[in-house]
Amino acid sequence: MTRVKVGKHLFLNVSRRSLCDSCVADICVKEGNERVFECRDYRAVFLVFKRCSQCGELFEVHHNLSALDPELCPNCNALVSE
């Protein structure tokens, strides 16, 4: 679990283990305790967008699950990990 700052005084707790931990989909076809990083049926409780601190691009916080730095968008995180 990680805390991501999404506002001046607002933090969001995001599970880094699997998207399923933060999902509220009515019907799920996933079985067992497998780790899920991408899912077309994923439904978050609410959408949270954040602006990347490096490039300024808006990104959805829940889909940035495996990011090394939660302040950066997926593209900038990919550049950092190379």
Protein backbone atom coordinates (compact mmCIF):
# COMPACT_ATOMS: atom_id res chain seq x y z
CA MET A 1 0.00 0.00 0.00
CA THR A 2 1.28 3.44 -0.84
CA ARG A 3 -0.01 6.93 -0.17
CA VAL A 4 -0.18 9.24 -3.17
CA LYS A 5 -0.68 12.96 -2.65
CA VAL A 6 -3.45 14.09 -5.00
CA GLY A 7 -4.26 17.47 -3.51
CA LYS A 8 -2.96 20.02 -1.08
CA HIS A 9 -4.35 18.11 1.91
CA LEU A 10 -5.65 14.96 0.20
CA PHE A 11 -3.92 11.58 0.00
CA LEU A 12 -5.08 8.40 -1.72
CA ASN A 13 -4.10 4.94 -0.45
CA VAL A 14 -3.37 2.71 -3.44
CA SER A 15 -2.63 -0.99 -3.21
CA ARG A 16 0.51 -1.78 -5.19
CA ARG A 17 -0.06 -5.54 -5.05
CA SER A 18 -2.89 -5.83 -7.57
CA LEU A 19 -5.58 -3.78 -9.30
CA CYS A 20 -8.12 -6.21 -7.84
CA ASP A 21 -7.47 -4.83 -4.34
CA SER A 22 -8.95 -1.46 -5.37
CA CYS A 23 -11.62 -2.70 -7.79
CA VAL A 24 -15.39 -2.50 -7.35
CA ALA A 25 -16.50 -4.28 -10.55
CA ASP A 26 -19.77 -6.19 -10.20
CA ILE A 27 -18.60 -9.20 -12.18
CA CYS A 28 -14.98 -10.34 -12.17
CA VAL A 29 -13.49 -13.20 -14.17
CA LYS A 30 -10.17 -13.27 -12.30
CA GLU A 31 -9.54 -16.29 -10.10
CA GLY A 32 -7.35 -16.83 -7.07
CA ASN A 33 -4.78 -14.46 -5.66
CA GLU A 34 -2.93 -13.71 -8.88
CA ARG A 35 -1.39 -10.26 -9.32
CA VAL A 36 -3.25 -8.18 -11.89
CA PHE A 37 -1.61 -5.11 -13.43
CA GLU A 38 -3.96 -4.55 -16.38
CA CYS A 39 -7.66 -5.34 -16.65
CA ARG A 40 -10.24 -4.08 -19.12
CA ASP A 41 -13.00 -4.60 -16.52
CA TYR A 42 -11.25 -2.64 -13.74
CA ARG A 43 -13.53 -0.16 -11.95
CA ALA A 44 -12.09 2.14 -9.30
CA VAL A 45 -14.28 3.58 -6.56
CA PHE A 46 -13.55 7.00 -8.07
CA LEU A 47 -11.13 8.30 -10.70
CA VAL A 48 -8.17 10.35 -9.56
CA PHE A 49 -6.07 12.21 -12.08
CA LYS A 50 -2.72 13.74 -11.28
CA ARG A 51 -0.31 15.92 -13.22
CA CYS A 52 3.16 14.46 -13.77
CA SER A 53 5.79 16.46 -11.91
CA GLN A 54 8.28 16.02 -14.77
CA CYS A 55 6.40 16.44 -18.07
CA GLY A 56 3.04 17.86 -16.94
CA GLU A 57 0.90 15.10 -18.52
CA LEU A 58 -2.32 14.08 -16.73
CA PHE A 59 -2.49 10.42 -15.73
CA GLU A 60 -4.90 8.20 -13.78
CA VAL A 61 -3.35 7.25 -10.43
CA HIS A 62 -4.74 3.69 -10.17
CA HIS A 63 -3.28 2.64 -13.53
CA ASN A 64 0.16 3.75 -12.39
CA LEU A 65 0.23 0.78 -10.01
CA SER A 66 3.76 -0.51 -10.50
CA ALA A 67 5.41 2.90 -10.79
CA LEU A 68 8.78 3.49 -9.20
CA ASP A 69 7.80 7.10 -8.48
CA PRO A 70 4.06 7.77 -7.95
CA GLU A 71 4.61 11.46 -8.80
CA LEU A 72 5.56 10.59 -12.40
CA CYS A 73 3.35 9.42 -15.28
CA PRO A 74 3.88 5.93 -16.77
CA ASN A 75 5.96 7.36 -19.65
CA CYS A 76 8.37 9.22 -17.36
CA ASN A 77 8.60 6.22 -15.04
CA ALA A 78 9.60 4.08 -18.04
CA LEU A 79 12.39 6.53 -18.84
CA VAL A 80 13.63 6.49 -15.24
CA SER A 81 13.74 2.69 -15.11
CA GLU A 82 15.89 2.41 -18.27
